[in-house]
Amino acid sequence: MVKLELSAAEAIILFDALNRLVDSDGLHDDAEALAASALIDRLEGHLPVIDGADYAFRLARAKEELTEDIED
């Protein structure tokens, strides 16, 4: 078993990115799809994510949080 610790911002961004990857059929095979789906399920079970505008706001804030220290 592998255990990871993610910040809330990292988790919601990863959750969103994995969902888009799965939805776009961007995975190479069934094993990748199953692994991605398992991770999505685990992330979803630990995120205080609410659908709709609140989700979009939380995602935008998480992206700001992770990128605020990056200089152009």
C-alpha atoms as a PDB file:
ATOM      1  CA  MET A   1       0.000   0.000   0.000  1.00  0.00           C
ATOM      2  CA  VAL A   2       1.163   3.510  -0.816  1.00  0.00           C
ATOM      3  CA  LYS A   3       0.065   6.472   1.268  1.00  0.00           C
ATOM      4  CA  LEU A   4       0.228  10.069   0.111  1.00  0.00           C
ATOM      5  CA  GLU A   5      -0.446  13.334   1.823  1.00  0.00           C
ATOM      6  CA  LEU A   6      -1.834  16.159  -0.271  1.00  0.00           C
ATOM      7  CA  SER A   7      -2.939  19.637   0.633  1.00  0.00           C
ATOM      8  CA  ALA A   8      -6.626  20.346   0.103  1.00  0.00           C
ATOM      9  CA  ALA A   9      -5.688  22.510  -2.884  1.00  0.00           C
ATOM     10  CA  GLU A  10      -3.599  19.750  -4.457  1.00  0.00           C
ATOM     11  CA  ALA A  11      -6.371  17.215  -3.897  1.00  0.00           C
ATOM     12  CA  ILE A  12      -9.164  19.217  -5.518  1.00  0.00           C
ATOM     13  CA  ILE A  13      -6.966  20.135  -8.499  1.00  0.00           C
ATOM     14  CA  LEU A  14      -5.871  16.531  -8.958  1.00  0.00           C
ATOM     15  CA  PHE A  15      -9.481  15.361  -8.613  1.00  0.00           C
ATOM     16  CA  ASP A  16     -10.591  17.779 -11.332  1.00  0.00           C
ATOM     17  CA  ALA A  17      -7.682  16.940 -13.661  1.00  0.00           C
ATOM     18  CA  LEU A  18      -8.201  13.188 -13.333  1.00  0.00           C
ATOM     19  CA  ASN A  19     -11.914  13.540 -14.048  1.00  0.00           C
ATOM     20  CA  ARG A  20     -11.170  15.519 -17.215  1.00  0.00           C
ATOM     21  CA  LEU A  21      -8.575  12.945 -18.292  1.00  0.00           C
ATOM     22  CA  VAL A  22     -10.988  10.049 -17.789  1.00  0.00           C
ATOM     23  CA  ASP A  23     -13.845  11.915 -19.506  1.00  0.00           C
ATOM     24  CA  SER A  24     -11.677  12.680 -22.537  1.00  0.00           C
ATOM     25  CA  ASP A  25     -10.611   9.049 -22.973  1.00  0.00           C
ATOM     26  CA  GLY A  26      -7.021  10.223 -22.600  1.00  0.00           C
ATOM     27  CA  LEU A  27      -5.891   7.010 -20.923  1.00  0.00           C
ATOM     28  CA  HIS A  28      -4.095   4.270 -22.802  1.00  0.00           C
ATOM     29  CA  ASP A  29      -5.741   1.146 -21.416  1.00  0.00           C
ATOM     30  CA  ASP A  30      -8.164  -0.371 -18.902  1.00  0.00           C
ATOM     31  CA  ALA A  31      -5.530  -0.555 -16.154  1.00  0.00           C
ATOM     32  CA  GLU A  32      -4.915   3.210 -16.341  1.00  0.00           C
ATOM     33  CA  ALA A  33      -8.654   3.883 -16.363  1.00  0.00           C
ATOM     34  CA  LEU A  34      -9.200   1.663 -13.322  1.00  0.00           C
ATOM     35  CA  ALA A  35      -6.315   3.242 -11.404  1.00  0.00           C
ATOM     36  CA  ALA A  36      -7.546   6.756 -12.227  1.00  0.00           C
ATOM     37  CA  SER A  37     -11.104   5.883 -11.224  1.00  0.00           C
ATOM     38  CA  ALA A  38      -9.928   4.405  -7.923  1.00  0.00           C
ATOM     39  CA  LEU A  39      -7.957   7.554  -7.145  1.00  0.00           C
ATOM     40  CA  ILE A  40     -10.906   9.766  -8.099  1.00  0.00           C
ATOM     41  CA  ASP A  41     -13.148   7.774  -5.742  1.00  0.00           C
ATOM     42  CA  ARG A  42     -10.666   8.085  -2.879  1.00  0.00           C
ATOM     43  CA  LEU A  43     -10.181  11.802  -3.435  1.00  0.00           C
ATOM     44  CA  GLU A  44     -13.916  12.401  -3.690  1.00  0.00           C
ATOM     45  CA  GLY A  45     -14.447  10.661  -0.356  1.00  0.00           C
ATOM     46  CA  HIS A  46     -12.114  13.112   1.383  1.00  0.00           C
ATOM     47  CA  LEU A  47     -12.937  16.411  -0.318  1.00  0.00           C
ATOM     48  CA  PRO A  48     -15.504  18.873   0.973  1.00  0.00           C
ATOM     49  CA  VAL A  49     -16.621  19.431  -2.625  1.00  0.00           C
ATOM     50  CA  ILE A  50     -20.067  20.719  -3.414  1.00  0.00           C
ATOM     51  CA  ASP A  51     -21.339  20.702  -7.002  1.00  0.00           C
ATOM     52  CA  GLY A  52     -22.090  23.867  -8.877  1.00  0.00           C
ATOM     53  CA  ALA A  53     -20.786  27.355  -8.232  1.00  0.00           C
ATOM     54  CA  ASP A  54     -19.221  26.424  -4.902  1.00  0.00           C
ATOM     55  CA  TYR A  55     -17.128  23.732  -6.592  1.00  0.00           C
ATOM     56  CA  ALA A  56     -15.971  26.159  -9.282  1.00  0.00           C
ATOM     57  CA  PHE A  57     -15.045  28.716  -6.618  1.00  0.00           C
ATOM     58  CA  ARG A  58     -13.126  26.147  -4.545  1.00  0.00           C
ATOM     59  CA  LEU A  59     -11.270  24.919  -7.619  1.00  0.00           C
ATOM     60  CA  ALA A  60     -10.342  28.455  -8.689  1.00  0.00           C
ATOM     61  CA  ARG A  61      -9.159  29.301  -5.183  1.00  0.00           C
ATOM     62  CA  ALA A  62      -7.102  26.095  -5.011  1.00  0.00           C
ATOM     63  CA  LYS A  63      -5.410  26.964  -8.302  1.00  0.00           C
ATOM     64  CA  GLU A  64      -4.621  30.458  -7.010  1.00  0.00           C
ATOM     65  CA  GLU A  65      -3.236  28.980  -3.792  1.00  0.00           C
ATOM     66  CA  LEU A  66      -0.878  26.626  -5.611  1.00  0.00           C
ATOM     67  CA  THR A  67       0.329  29.151  -8.149  1.00  0.00           C
ATOM     68  CA  GLU A  68       0.596  32.288  -5.995  1.00  0.00           C
ATOM     69  CA  ASP A  69       4.318  31.778  -5.432  1.00  0.00           C
ATOM     70  CA  ILE A  70       5.129  31.173  -9.097  1.00  0.00           C
ATOM     71  CA  GLU A  71       6.718  34.159 -10.764  1.00  0.00           C
ATOM     72  CA  ASP A  72       6.426  34.739 -14.509  1.00  0.00           C
END
